C-alpha atoms as a PDB file:
ATOM      1  CA  MET A   1      -6.390  20.289  42.893  1.00  0.00           C
ATOM      2  CA  ILE A   2      -5.100  20.365  39.814  1.00  0.00           C
ATOM      3  CA  ASP A   3      -2.632  17.415  38.825  1.00  0.00           C
ATOM      4  CA  LYS A   4       0.898  19.945  37.054  1.00  0.00           C
ATOM      5  CA  HIS A   5       1.810  16.886  35.351  1.00  0.00           C
ATOM      6  CA  LYS A   6      -1.519  16.767  33.235  1.00  0.00           C
ATOM      7  CA  VAL A   7      -1.850  20.612  32.176  1.00  0.00           C
ATOM      8  CA  ASN A   8      -1.588  21.811  28.881  1.00  0.00           C
ATOM      9  CA  SER A   9      -2.920  24.819  27.041  1.00  0.00           C
ATOM     10  CA  ASP A  10      -5.424  23.529  25.812  1.00  0.00           C
ATOM     11  CA  ASP A  11      -7.048  21.671  28.872  1.00  0.00           C
ATOM     12  CA  ILE A  12      -6.560  25.334  30.181  1.00  0.00           C
ATOM     13  CA  ASP A  13      -8.405  27.512  27.746  1.00  0.00           C
ATOM     14  CA  LEU A  14     -10.949  25.248  28.206  1.00  0.00           C
ATOM     15  CA  GLN A  15     -11.426  25.211  31.297  1.00  0.00           C
ATOM     16  CA  ILE A  16     -11.550  29.077  31.108  1.00  0.00           C
ATOM     17  CA  ALA A  17     -14.078  29.055  28.819  1.00  0.00           C
ATOM     18  CA  GLU A  18     -16.081  26.802  30.568  1.00  0.00           C
ATOM     19  CA  LEU A  19     -15.615  29.202  33.887  1.00  0.00           C
ATOM     20  CA  ARG A  20     -16.645  32.253  31.169  1.00  0.00           C
ATOM     21  CA  SER A  21     -19.624  30.593  30.187  1.00  0.00           C
ATOM     22  CA  ALA A  22     -21.194  30.689  33.575  1.00  0.00           C
ATOM     23  CA  PHE A  23     -23.848  33.175  34.269  1.00  0.00           C
ATOM     24  CA  VAL A  24     -23.733  34.770  38.032  1.00  0.00           C
ATOM     25  CA  SER A  25     -26.907  35.838  38.904  1.00  0.00           C
ATOM     26  CA  HIS A  26     -27.849  38.860  40.773  1.00  0.00           C
ATOM     27  CA  GLN A  27     -30.830  41.230  41.589  1.00  0.00           C
ATOM     28  CA  ALA A  28     -30.456  43.117  38.995  1.00  0.00           C
ATOM     29  CA  PHE A  29     -30.891  40.525  36.453  1.00  0.00           C
ATOM     30  CA  GLN A  30     -33.836  39.545  38.329  1.00  0.00           C
ATOM     31  CA  ASN A  31     -35.549  42.365  37.990  1.00  0.00           C
ATOM     32  CA  LEU A  32     -34.800  43.004  34.419  1.00  0.00           C
ATOM     33  CA  GLU A  33     -36.464  39.127  34.091  1.00  0.00           C
ATOM     34  CA  MET A  34     -39.561  40.543  35.855  1.00  0.00           C
ATOM     35  CA  ILE A  35     -40.221  43.590  34.084  1.00  0.00           C
ATOM     36  CA  PHE A  36     -39.967  41.595  30.525  1.00  0.00           C
ATOM     37  CA  ASP A  37     -41.935  39.129  31.522  1.00  0.00           C
ATOM     38  CA  ARG A  38     -44.766  41.359  32.260  1.00  0.00           C
ATOM     39  CA  HIS A  39     -44.146  43.195  29.341  1.00  0.00           C
ATOM     40  CA  LEU A  40     -44.122  39.601  27.167  1.00  0.00           C
ATOM     41  CA  ARG A  41     -47.199  39.010  28.401  1.00  0.00           C
ATOM     42  CA  ARG A  42     -49.016  42.162  27.943  1.00  0.00           C
ATOM     43  CA  ARG A  43     -48.023  42.283  24.052  1.00  0.00           C
ATOM     44  CA  ARG A  44     -49.217  38.506  23.585  1.00  0.00           C
ATOM     45  CA  ALA A  45     -52.578  39.143  25.557  1.00  0.00           C
ATOM     46  CA  ALA A  46     -53.280  42.376  23.146  1.00  0.00           C
ATOM     47  CA  ILE A  47     -52.537  40.537  20.265  1.00  0.00           C
ATOM     48  CA  ARG A  48     -54.850  37.352  21.150  1.00  0.00           C
ATOM     49  CA  LEU A  49     -57.283  40.341  21.652  1.00  0.00           C
ATOM     50  CA  GLY A  50     -56.207  41.722  18.813  1.00  0.00           C
ATOM     51  CA  ASN A  51     -55.876  45.195  20.790  1.00  0.00           C
ATOM     52  CA  ARG A  52     -53.003  47.149  19.098  1.00  0.00           C
ATOM     53  CA  SER A  53     -52.379  49.411  21.937  1.00  0.00           C
ATOM     54  CA  GLU A  54     -49.022  50.938  22.542  1.00  0.00           C
ATOM     55  CA  ALA A  55     -46.208  48.626  23.735  1.00  0.00           C
ATOM     56  CA  ARG A  56     -43.942  49.281  26.007  1.00  0.00           C
ATOM     57  CA  GLY A  57     -40.233  49.627  26.674  1.00  0.00           C
ATOM     58  CA  ILE A  58     -37.243  48.808  29.277  1.00  0.00           C
ATOM     59  CA  ALA A  59     -33.637  50.477  29.564  1.00  0.00           C
ATOM     60  CA  LEU A  60     -31.075  48.653  30.557  1.00  0.00           C
ATOM     61  CA  ILE A  61     -28.167  51.085  32.368  1.00  0.00           C
ATOM     62  CA  GLY A  62     -24.861  50.606  33.068  1.00  0.00           C
ATOM     63  CA  ALA A  63     -21.426  51.407  33.345  1.00  0.00           C
ATOM     64  CA  SER A  64     -18.690  49.625  30.508  1.00  0.00           C
ATOM     65  CA  GLY A  65     -18.234  46.836  32.037  1.00  0.00           C
ATOM     66  CA  SER A  66     -21.098  46.023  34.553  1.00  0.00           C
ATOM     67  CA  GLY A  67     -22.444  43.412  32.519  1.00  0.00           C
ATOM     68  CA  LYS A  68     -25.310  44.736  30.833  1.00  0.00           C
ATOM     69  CA  SER A  69     -24.986  43.119  27.885  1.00  0.00           C
ATOM     70  CA  THR A  70     -24.136  40.001  28.991  1.00  0.00           C
ATOM     71  CA  ALA A  71     -27.286  40.273  31.230  1.00  0.00           C
ATOM     72  CA  ALA A  72     -29.485  40.873  27.976  1.00  0.00           C
ATOM     73  CA  ASP A  73     -27.763  38.408  25.756  1.00  0.00           C
ATOM     74  CA  ARG A  74     -28.541  35.549  29.421  1.00  0.00           C
ATOM     75  CA  LEU A  75     -32.299  36.910  29.196  1.00  0.00           C
ATOM     76  CA  PHE A  76     -33.032  36.077  25.783  1.00  0.00           C
ATOM     77  CA  ASP A  77     -31.131  32.943  25.063  1.00  0.00           C
ATOM     78  CA  ASN A  78     -32.752  31.038  28.175  1.00  0.00           C
ATOM     79  CA  HIS A  79     -36.313  32.338  27.774  1.00  0.00           C
ATOM     80  CA  PRO A  80     -38.101  29.333  28.061  1.00  0.00           C
ATOM     81  CA  SER A  81     -40.886  30.575  25.582  1.00  0.00           C
ATOM     82  CA  LEU A  82     -39.368  33.389  24.060  1.00  0.00           C
ATOM     83  CA  ILE A  83     -39.238  32.584  20.164  1.00  0.00           C
ATOM     84  CA  LEU A  84     -35.672  33.349  18.490  1.00  0.00           C
ATOM     85  CA  PRO A  85     -35.054  33.852  14.800  1.00  0.00           C
ATOM     86  CA  THR A  86     -33.728  30.477  13.367  1.00  0.00           C
ATOM     87  CA  GLU A  87     -33.366  29.324  10.020  1.00  0.00           C
ATOM     88  CA  GLY A  88     -37.144  28.057   9.098  1.00  0.00           C
ATOM     89  CA  GLN A  89     -38.974  29.772  11.569  1.00  0.00           C
ATOM     90  CA  ASP A  90     -41.421  32.779  10.508  1.00  0.00           C
ATOM     91  CA  VAL A  91     -41.700  33.469  13.924  1.00  0.00           C
ATOM     92  CA  ALA A  92     -39.015  35.687  15.347  1.00  0.00           C
ATOM     93  CA  GLU A  93     -40.198  37.389  18.504  1.00  0.00           C
ATOM     94  CA  VAL A  94     -36.978  39.532  19.399  1.00  0.00           C
ATOM     95  CA  ILE A  95     -34.903  40.850  16.825  1.00  0.00           C
ATOM     96  CA  ARG A  96     -31.268  41.581  18.821  1.00  0.00           C
ATOM     97  CA  LEU A  97     -28.409  43.915  17.165  1.00  0.00           C
ATOM     98  CA  GLN A  98     -25.579  46.288  18.194  1.00  0.00           C
ATOM     99  CA  VAL A  99     -26.226  49.678  17.282  1.00  0.00           C
ATOM    100  CA  PRO A 100     -23.709  49.844  14.263  1.00  0.00           C
ATOM    101  CA  SER A 101     -21.316  52.488  13.707  1.00  0.00           C
ATOM    102  CA  PRO A 102     -21.570  55.098  11.899  1.00  0.00           C
ATOM    103  CA  ALA A 103     -24.804  55.102  14.518  1.00  0.00           C
ATOM    104  CA  THR A 104     -27.172  56.487  11.874  1.00  0.00           C
ATOM    105  CA  LEU A 105     -31.103  55.955  11.704  1.00  0.00           C
ATOM    106  CA  LYS A 106     -30.395  54.737   8.172  1.00  0.00           C
ATOM    107  CA  ASN A 107     -27.510  51.939   9.033  1.00  0.00           C
ATOM    108  CA  VAL A 108     -30.203  50.965  12.407  1.00  0.00           C
ATOM    109  CA  GLY A 109     -32.794  49.940  10.125  1.00  0.00           C
ATOM    110  CA  ALA A 110     -30.971  48.339   7.611  1.00  0.00           C
ATOM    111  CA  THR A 111     -29.658  46.190  10.217  1.00  0.00           C
ATOM    112  CA  ILE A 112     -32.608  45.419  11.770  1.00  0.00           C
ATOM    113  CA  LEU A 113     -33.708  44.100   8.117  1.00  0.00           C
ATOM    114  CA  SER A 114     -30.755  41.891   7.798  1.00  0.00           C
ATOM    115  CA  GLY A 115     -31.567  40.902  11.065  1.00  0.00           C
ATOM    116  CA  LEU A 116     -35.566  39.762   9.614  1.00  0.00           C
ATOM    117  CA  GLY A 117     -33.681  37.885   6.556  1.00  0.00           C
ATOM    118  CA  TYR A 118     -34.493  40.976   4.329  1.00  0.00           C
ATOM    119  CA  PRO A 119     -31.335  42.799   3.519  1.00  0.00           C
ATOM    120  CA  LEU A 120     -31.663  46.302   1.729  1.00  0.00           C
ATOM    121  CA  ALA A 121     -31.514  45.333  -2.226  1.00  0.00           C
ATOM    122  CA  ARG A 122     -30.617  48.813  -3.354  1.00  0.00           C
ATOM    123  CA  ASP A 123     -29.753  51.775  -1.220  1.00  0.00           C
ATOM    124  CA  LYS A 124     -32.734  53.626   0.269  1.00  0.00           C
ATOM    125  CA  SER A 125     -33.817  56.184   2.093  1.00  0.00           C
ATOM    126  CA  ALA A 126     -34.066  56.355   5.754  1.00  0.00           C
ATOM    127  CA  ALA A 127     -37.627  57.086   5.583  1.00  0.00           C
ATOM    128  CA  ILE A 128     -38.661  53.856   3.336  1.00  0.00           C
ATOM    129  CA  ILE A 129     -35.744  51.805   5.376  1.00  0.00           C
ATOM    130  CA  TRP A 130     -37.944  52.300   8.487  1.00  0.00           C
ATOM    131  CA  THR A 131     -41.198  51.956   6.586  1.00  0.00           C
ATOM    132  CA  GLN A 132     -40.158  48.610   5.773  1.00  0.00           C
ATOM    133  CA  VAL A 133     -38.918  47.945   8.994  1.00  0.00           C
ATOM    134  CA  ARG A 134     -41.917  48.075  10.434  1.00  0.00           C
ATOM    135  CA  GLN A 135     -43.961  46.245   7.848  1.00  0.00           C
ATOM    136  CA  PHE A 136     -41.662  43.178   8.353  1.00  0.00           C
ATOM    137  CA  LEU A 137     -41.391  43.199  11.811  1.00  0.00           C
ATOM    138  CA  GLN A 138     -45.280  42.544  11.486  1.00  0.00           C
ATOM    139  CA  LEU A 139     -44.931  40.093   8.891  1.00  0.00           C
ATOM    140  CA  ARG A 140     -41.940  38.314  11.173  1.00  0.00           C
ATOM    141  CA  SER A 141     -44.329  38.387  14.483  1.00  0.00           C
ATOM    142  CA  THR A 142     -41.764  40.274  16.517  1.00  0.00           C
ATOM    143  CA  LEU A 143     -42.740  41.479  19.424  1.00  0.00           C
ATOM    144  CA  PHE A 144     -39.334  43.449  20.836  1.00  0.00           C
ATOM    145  CA  VAL A 145     -36.126  44.935  19.174  1.00  0.00           C
ATOM    146  CA  HIS A 146     -32.849  45.098  21.338  1.00  0.00           C
ATOM    147  CA  LEU A 147     -30.453  47.888  20.514  1.00  0.00           C
ATOM    148  CA  ASP A 148     -27.336  47.697  22.254  1.00  0.00           C
ATOM    149  CA  GLU A 149     -25.093  50.647  23.091  1.00  0.00           C
ATOM    150  CA  ALA A 150     -28.291  52.481  22.304  1.00  0.00           C
ATOM    151  CA  GLN A 151     -27.353  55.983  24.255  1.00  0.00           C
ATOM    152  CA  ASP A 152     -25.154  55.931  20.255  1.00  0.00           C
ATOM    153  CA  LEU A 153     -28.222  57.172  18.762  1.00  0.00           C
ATOM    154  CA  TYR A 154     -28.068  60.487  20.432  1.00  0.00           C
ATOM    155  CA  ILE A 155     -25.017  61.199  21.937  1.00  0.00           C
ATOM    156  CA  SER A 156     -22.473  64.084  20.134  1.00  0.00           C
ATOM    157  CA  LYS A 157     -26.022  64.505  17.502  1.00  0.00           C
ATOM    158  CA  GLY A 158     -27.893  67.631  16.674  1.00  0.00           C
ATOM    159  CA  ILE A 159     -31.041  68.596  17.744  1.00  0.00           C
ATOM    160  CA  LYS A 160     -32.557  67.450  14.525  1.00  0.00           C
ATOM    161  CA  ALA A 161     -31.043  64.050  15.109  1.00  0.00           C
ATOM    162  CA  ARG A 162     -31.431  63.563  18.009  1.00  0.00           C
ATOM    163  CA  ASN A 163     -35.628  64.580  17.824  1.00  0.00           C
ATOM    164  CA  ASP A 164     -35.348  61.980  14.507  1.00  0.00           C
ATOM    165  CA  VAL A 165     -34.233  58.932  16.830  1.00  0.00           C
ATOM    166  CA  VAL A 166     -36.831  59.596  19.581  1.00  0.00           C
ATOM    167  CA  ASN A 167     -39.749  59.983  17.054  1.00  0.00           C
ATOM    168  CA  THR A 168     -38.291  56.590  15.447  1.00  0.00           C
ATOM    169  CA  LEU A 169     -38.438  55.109  18.870  1.00  0.00           C
ATOM    170  CA  LYS A 170     -41.374  55.872  19.740  1.00  0.00           C
ATOM    171  CA  SER A 171     -43.415  55.193  16.280  1.00  0.00           C
ATOM    172  CA  LEU A 172     -42.189  51.423  16.578  1.00  0.00           C
ATOM    173  CA  MET A 173     -43.710  51.223  20.209  1.00  0.00           C
ATOM    174  CA  ASN A 174     -47.462  53.285  19.126  1.00  0.00           C
ATOM    175  CA  ASP A 175     -47.614  52.254  15.376  1.00  0.00           C
ATOM    176  CA  LYS A 176     -50.676  51.785  14.661  1.00  0.00           C
ATOM    177  CA  ASP A 177     -51.003  48.371  12.815  1.00  0.00           C
ATOM    178  CA  TRP A 178     -48.087  46.369  14.879  1.00  0.00           C
ATOM    179  CA  PRO A 179     -46.516  47.980  17.740  1.00  0.00           C
ATOM    180  CA  VAL A 180     -43.244  46.734  19.079  1.00  0.00           C
ATOM    181  CA  GLY A 181     -41.420  46.859  22.316  1.00  0.00           C
ATOM    182  CA  LEU A 182     -38.024  48.380  22.817  1.00  0.00           C
ATOM    183  CA  VAL A 183     -35.172  46.938  24.889  1.00  0.00           C
ATOM    184  CA  LEU A 184     -32.560  49.302  25.172  1.00  0.00           C
ATOM    185  CA  SER A 185     -29.408  49.007  26.842  1.00  0.00           C
ATOM    186  CA  GLY A 186     -26.741  51.334  27.116  1.00  0.00           C
ATOM    187  CA  THR A 187     -24.363  53.542  29.340  1.00  0.00           C
ATOM    188  CA  PRO A 188     -25.981  55.967  31.721  1.00  0.00           C
ATOM    189  CA  ASP A 189     -25.762  58.526  28.757  1.00  0.00           C
ATOM    190  CA  LEU A 190     -28.718  56.934  27.422  1.00  0.00           C
ATOM    191  CA  ILE A 191     -30.725  58.128  30.084  1.00  0.00           C
ATOM    192  CA  LYS A 192     -30.421  62.184  28.816  1.00  0.00           C
ATOM    193  CA  MET A 193     -32.461  60.370  25.569  1.00  0.00           C
ATOM    194  CA  ILE A 194     -35.267  58.944  27.655  1.00  0.00           C
ATOM    195  CA  ASN A 195     -35.559  62.031  29.568  1.00  0.00           C
ATOM    196  CA  SER A 196     -35.496  64.106  26.637  1.00  0.00           C
ATOM    197  CA  ASP A 197     -39.359  63.584  25.744  1.00  0.00           C
ATOM    198  CA  VAL A 198     -42.116  63.145  28.007  1.00  0.00           C
ATOM    199  CA  GLN A 199     -43.694  60.500  25.740  1.00  0.00           C
ATOM    200  CA  LEU A 200     -40.314  58.280  25.629  1.00  0.00           C
ATOM    201  CA  LYS A 201     -39.670  59.081  29.491  1.00  0.00           C
ATOM    202  CA  ARG A 202     -43.374  57.406  30.377  1.00  0.00           C
ATOM    203  CA  ARG A 203     -43.212  54.032  28.107  1.00  0.00           C
ATOM    204  CA  MET A 204     -40.057  52.554  29.724  1.00  0.00           C
ATOM    205  CA  ASP A 205     -38.785  51.192  32.604  1.00  0.00           C
ATOM    206  CA  VAL A 206     -35.530  51.323  33.898  1.00  0.00           C
ATOM    207  CA  VAL A 207     -33.263  48.860  35.232  1.00  0.00           C
ATOM    208  CA  HIS A 208     -29.781  50.005  36.845  1.00  0.00           C
ATOM    209  CA  LEU A 209     -26.556  47.791  36.861  1.00  0.00           C
ATOM    210  CA  ASP A 210     -25.297  49.754  39.301  1.00  0.00           C
ATOM    211  CA  ALA A 211     -21.769  50.027  41.025  1.00  0.00           C
ATOM    212  CA  VAL A 212     -20.564  47.227  42.965  1.00  0.00           C
ATOM    213  CA  SER A 213     -20.065  48.969  46.586  1.00  0.00           C
ATOM    214  CA  TRP A 214     -18.123  46.912  49.312  1.00  0.00           C
ATOM    215  CA  ILE A 215     -20.381  48.333  51.986  1.00  0.00           C
ATOM    216  CA  SER A 216     -23.653  46.850  50.209  1.00  0.00           C
ATOM    217  CA  HIS A 217     -21.879  44.236  48.238  1.00  0.00           C
ATOM    218  CA  ALA A 218     -19.563  42.473  50.304  1.00  0.00           C
ATOM    219  CA  ALA A 219     -21.357  39.156  50.682  1.00  0.00           C
ATOM    220  CA  ASP A 220     -21.952  38.820  46.788  1.00  0.00           C
ATOM    221  CA  VAL A 221     -18.645  39.312  46.007  1.00  0.00           C
ATOM    222  CA  LYS A 222     -17.185  36.702  48.577  1.00  0.00           C
ATOM    223  CA  GLY A 223     -19.352  34.311  47.177  1.00  0.00           C
ATOM    224  CA  LEU A 224     -18.851  35.223  43.740  1.00  0.00           C
ATOM    225  CA  PHE A 225     -14.664  34.771  44.343  1.00  0.00           C
ATOM    226  CA  ALA A 226     -15.796  31.333  46.502  1.00  0.00           C
ATOM    227  CA  GLY A 227     -18.035  29.615  43.402  1.00  0.00           C
ATOM    228  CA  PHE A 228     -15.157  30.553  40.842  1.00  0.00           C
ATOM    229  CA  VAL A 229     -12.557  29.284  42.523  1.00  0.00           C
ATOM    230  CA  SER A 230     -14.492  26.050  43.736  1.00  0.00           C
ATOM    231  CA  LYS A 231     -15.098  25.449  39.899  1.00  0.00           C
ATOM    232  CA  SER A 232     -11.897  25.691  39.252  1.00  0.00           C
ATOM    233  CA  GLY A 233     -10.167  23.363  41.338  1.00  0.00           C
ATOM    234  CA  LEU A 234      -7.213  24.994  42.663  1.00  0.00           C
ATOM    235  CA  GLY A 235      -6.414  25.712  46.081  1.00  0.00           C
ATOM    236  CA  ASN A 236      -7.649  29.146  47.872  1.00  0.00           C
ATOM    237  CA  ASP A 237      -4.202  30.974  49.265  1.00  0.00           C
ATOM    238  CA  VAL A 238      -5.161  32.170  52.995  1.00  0.00           C
ATOM    239  CA  GLU A 239      -5.000  35.764  52.270  1.00  0.00           C
ATOM    240  CA  LEU A 240      -7.291  35.717  49.048  1.00  0.00           C
ATOM    241  CA  GLY A 241      -9.929  34.790  51.940  1.00  0.00           C
ATOM    242  CA  GLU A 242      -9.362  37.999  53.600  1.00  0.00           C
ATOM    243  CA  ASP A 243     -11.726  40.965  53.552  1.00  0.00           C
ATOM    244  CA  ALA A 244      -8.506  42.775  52.528  1.00  0.00           C
ATOM    245  CA  PHE A 245      -7.827  41.030  49.323  1.00  0.00           C
ATOM    246  CA  LEU A 246     -11.612  41.055  47.878  1.00  0.00           C
ATOM    247  CA  LYS A 247     -11.269  45.130  48.429  1.00  0.00           C
ATOM    248  CA  ARG A 248      -8.352  45.344  46.556  1.00  0.00           C
ATOM    249  CA  LEU A 249     -10.129  43.602  43.750  1.00  0.00           C
ATOM    250  CA  VAL A 250     -13.549  44.893  44.182  1.00  0.00           C
ATOM    251  CA  HIS A 251     -11.417  48.827  43.303  1.00  0.00           C
ATOM    252  CA  ALA A 252      -9.056  46.938  40.654  1.00  0.00           C
ATOM    253  CA  ASP A 253     -12.352  46.885  38.347  1.00  0.00           C
ATOM    254  CA  GLY A 254     -13.395  49.827  39.206  1.00  0.00           C
ATOM    255  CA  ASN A 255     -16.647  48.665  41.264  1.00  0.00           C
ATOM    256  CA  GLU A 256     -17.823  47.243  38.141  1.00  0.00           C
ATOM    257  CA  PHE A 257     -19.345  43.563  38.577  1.00  0.00           C
ATOM    258  CA  GLY A 258     -18.443  42.183  35.173  1.00  0.00           C
ATOM    259  CA  LEU A 259     -15.143  43.442  35.420  1.00  0.00           C
ATOM    260  CA  ILE A 260     -14.661  42.001  39.060  1.00  0.00           C
ATOM    261  CA  ILE A 261     -15.511  38.487  37.508  1.00  0.00           C
ATOM    262  CA  ASP A 262     -13.150  39.075  34.228  1.00  0.00           C
ATOM    263  CA  MET A 263     -10.425  39.890  36.886  1.00  0.00           C
ATOM    264  CA  ILE A 264     -11.372  36.703  38.952  1.00  0.00           C
ATOM    265  CA  LEU A 265     -11.140  34.327  35.998  1.00  0.00           C
ATOM    266  CA  CYS A 266      -7.602  36.181  34.734  1.00  0.00           C
ATOM    267  CA  GLY A 267      -6.597  35.002  37.979  1.00  0.00           C
ATOM    268  CA  ILE A 268      -7.393  31.886  37.804  1.00  0.00           C
ATOM    269  CA  GLU A 269      -5.845  31.658  34.422  1.00  0.00           C
ATOM    270  CA  GLU A 270      -2.657  33.033  35.407  1.00  0.00           C
ATOM    271  CA  ALA A 271      -2.340  30.196  38.209  1.00  0.00           C
ATOM    272  CA  LEU A 272      -2.926  27.390  35.557  1.00  0.00           C
ATOM    273  CA  TYR A 273      -0.344  28.592  33.011  1.00  0.00           C
ATOM    274  CA  VAL A 274       2.093  28.492  35.977  1.00  0.00           C
ATOM    275  CA  GLU A 275       0.781  25.017  36.630  1.00  0.00           C
ATOM    276  CA  SER A 276       0.273  26.490  40.313  1.00  0.00           C
ATOM    277  CA  ASP A 277      -2.481  24.268  42.224  1.00  0.00           C
ATOM    278  CA  GLN A 278      -2.734  27.590  45.043  1.00  0.00           C
ATOM    279  CA  LEU A 279      -4.282  30.920  43.906  1.00  0.00           C
ATOM    280  CA  LYS A 280      -2.367  33.508  45.034  1.00  0.00           C
ATOM    281  CA  LEU A 281      -2.366  37.285  45.186  1.00  0.00           C
ATOM    282  CA  VAL A 282       0.801  37.473  42.294  1.00  0.00           C
ATOM    283  CA  HIS A 283      -1.225  36.148  39.934  1.00  0.00           C
ATOM    284  CA  PHE A 284      -4.061  38.658  40.225  1.00  0.00           C
ATOM    285  CA  ALA A 285      -1.312  40.892  40.592  1.00  0.00           C
ATOM    286  CA  GLU A 286       0.049  39.733  36.910  1.00  0.00           C
ATOM    287  CA  ALA A 287      -3.568  39.828  35.349  1.00  0.00           C
ATOM    288  CA  PHE A 288      -3.795  43.632  36.180  1.00  0.00           C
ATOM    289  CA  ARG A 289      -0.196  44.165  35.196  1.00  0.00           C
ATOM    290  CA  ARG A 290      -0.713  42.774  31.534  1.00  0.00           C
ATOM    291  CA  LYS A 291      -4.274  44.343  31.406  1.00  0.00           C
ATOM    292  CA  SER A 292      -2.480  47.555  31.723  1.00  0.00           C
ATOM    293  CA  GLY A 293       1.352  47.733  31.632  1.00  0.00           C
ATOM    294  CA  CYS A 294       1.825  49.306  35.359  1.00  0.00           C
ATOM    295  CA  ILE A 295       4.391  49.755  37.100  1.00  0.00           C
ATOM    296  CA  PRO A 296       3.841  48.055  40.490  1.00  0.00           C
ATOM    297  CA  ALA A 297       3.897  51.362  41.990  1.00  0.00           C
ATOM    298  CA  PHE A 298       0.227  51.676  40.373  1.00  0.00           C
ATOM    299  CA  ASN A 299      -1.123  47.831  40.545  1.00  0.00           C
ATOM    300  CA  PRO A 300      -4.063  47.601  43.314  1.00  0.00           C
ATOM    301  CA  PHE A 301      -2.854  44.113  44.140  1.00  0.00           C
ATOM    302  CA  LEU A 302       0.578  45.371  45.092  1.00  0.00           C
ATOM    303  CA  ALA A 303       0.910  49.025  46.549  1.00  0.00           C
ATOM    304  CA  GLU A 304      -0.185  49.527  49.906  1.00  0.00           C
ATOM    305  CA  ASP A 305      -2.148  52.518  49.486  1.00  0.00           C
ATOM    306  CA  TYR A 306      -4.154  50.812  46.612  1.00  0.00           C
ATOM    307  CA  ARG A 307      -7.131  53.547  47.061  1.00  0.00           C
ATOM    308  CA  THR A 308      -4.967  56.309  46.235  1.00  0.00           C
ATOM    309  CA  ILE A 309      -4.738  54.300  41.989  1.00  0.00           C
ATOM    310  CA  ASP A 310      -6.890  55.822  39.882  1.00  0.00           C
ATOM    311  CA  VAL A 311      -7.754  52.752  38.363  1.00  0.00           C
ATOM    312  CA  LYS A 312      -9.455  54.074  35.250  1.00  0.00           C
ATOM    313  CA  ALA A 313      -6.754  55.849  34.379  1.00  0.00           C
ATOM    314  CA  VAL A 314      -4.523  53.363  34.798  1.00  0.00           C
ATOM    315  CA  MET A 315      -6.355  51.258  32.717  1.00  0.00           C
ATOM    316  CA  GLY A 316      -7.142  53.427  30.003  1.00  0.00           C
ATOM    317  CA  TRP A 317     -10.653  52.377  31.089  1.00  0.00           C
ATOM    318  CA  LEU A 318     -11.022  49.753  28.950  1.00  0.00           C
ATOM    319  CA  GLU A 319     -13.626  49.326  26.681  1.00  0.00           C
ATOM    320  CA  LEU A 320     -14.776  45.721  27.644  1.00  0.00           C
ATOM    321  CA  ASN A 321     -18.139  44.691  26.133  1.00  0.00           C
ATOM    322  CA  ASP A 322     -19.287  42.836  29.311  1.00  0.00           C
ATOM    323  CA  PRO A 323     -16.337  40.450  29.718  1.00  0.00           C
ATOM    324  CA  SER A 324     -18.586  38.141  31.907  1.00  0.00           C
ATOM    325  CA  SER A 325     -20.277  35.320  29.251  1.00  0.00           C
ATOM    326  CA  SER A 326     -23.697  33.823  30.088  1.00  0.00           C
ATOM    327  CA  GLY A 327     -24.099  30.635  30.746  1.00  0.00           C
ATOM    328  CA  ALA A 328     -25.377  28.545  34.124  1.00  0.00           C
ATOM    329  CA  ARG A 329     -25.837  30.022  37.539  1.00  0.00           C
ATOM    330  CA  ILE A 330     -23.249  29.801  40.289  1.00  0.00           C
END
């Protein structure tokens, strides 16, 4: 249990940061690991044989708050053999970036060059930039490029811009001198880009981070909640152990895995800050109020008919960038 007399804000901040660093493995992530490892082994084997056959790609699809960026970070940061970009290291087997704003091919190319350690010395055309991208990817022995929020390159663009994006991505994978695999993470809109071109679709493996359903994920939610509560050192009020509370928790976070984790941690944080030694429903109600500013009638932890509440509207469907962080499994 928490010793009330020893709790201070620094202790709480450190404890919450430690909890946020805990990564929770799930089936979709394990599938992503398996597919990426196969792609990595294929690329390395092809290079050993001097084979320049086209590379393939992976699309990681999930709604905002589903945990896709966290899953990608975990995949790369904790891979046992992947060579990441480091100072003094010539080889960079993966280059990672979030699609910049404005989401243009020119900006993406310039960002990749910067990630490779070759920032633009002066303004150049998109064609020249991407020629340099392919050259420097080979120079750094890069096997994969990860583009996060990749749908921004395609959605709300004209036909020509969309075709240019698709053709550029395909050209990386089938470059005759140094084919490079793609890892694209993004919202379900990303599927529209993949399905727009037969060749691109053929070269991509898709991993979905599906919404959490109580019917299919009850055991997972229970284990997730119990794991974080145990690590927090707080006691668990009886009502929080009931299925009724956990169903409210799933609904409150729009059935998204990452947002559920974030709300659990916010509830724990509220309890610690008021120096409670028991985690209670009121702590989650207050955490939701702080996020949404809603009145009690629209708070899914308080309202009797909480299932009728459109939490996406109440919350303004906050554009959280995968709030749960990567780290050790619980």
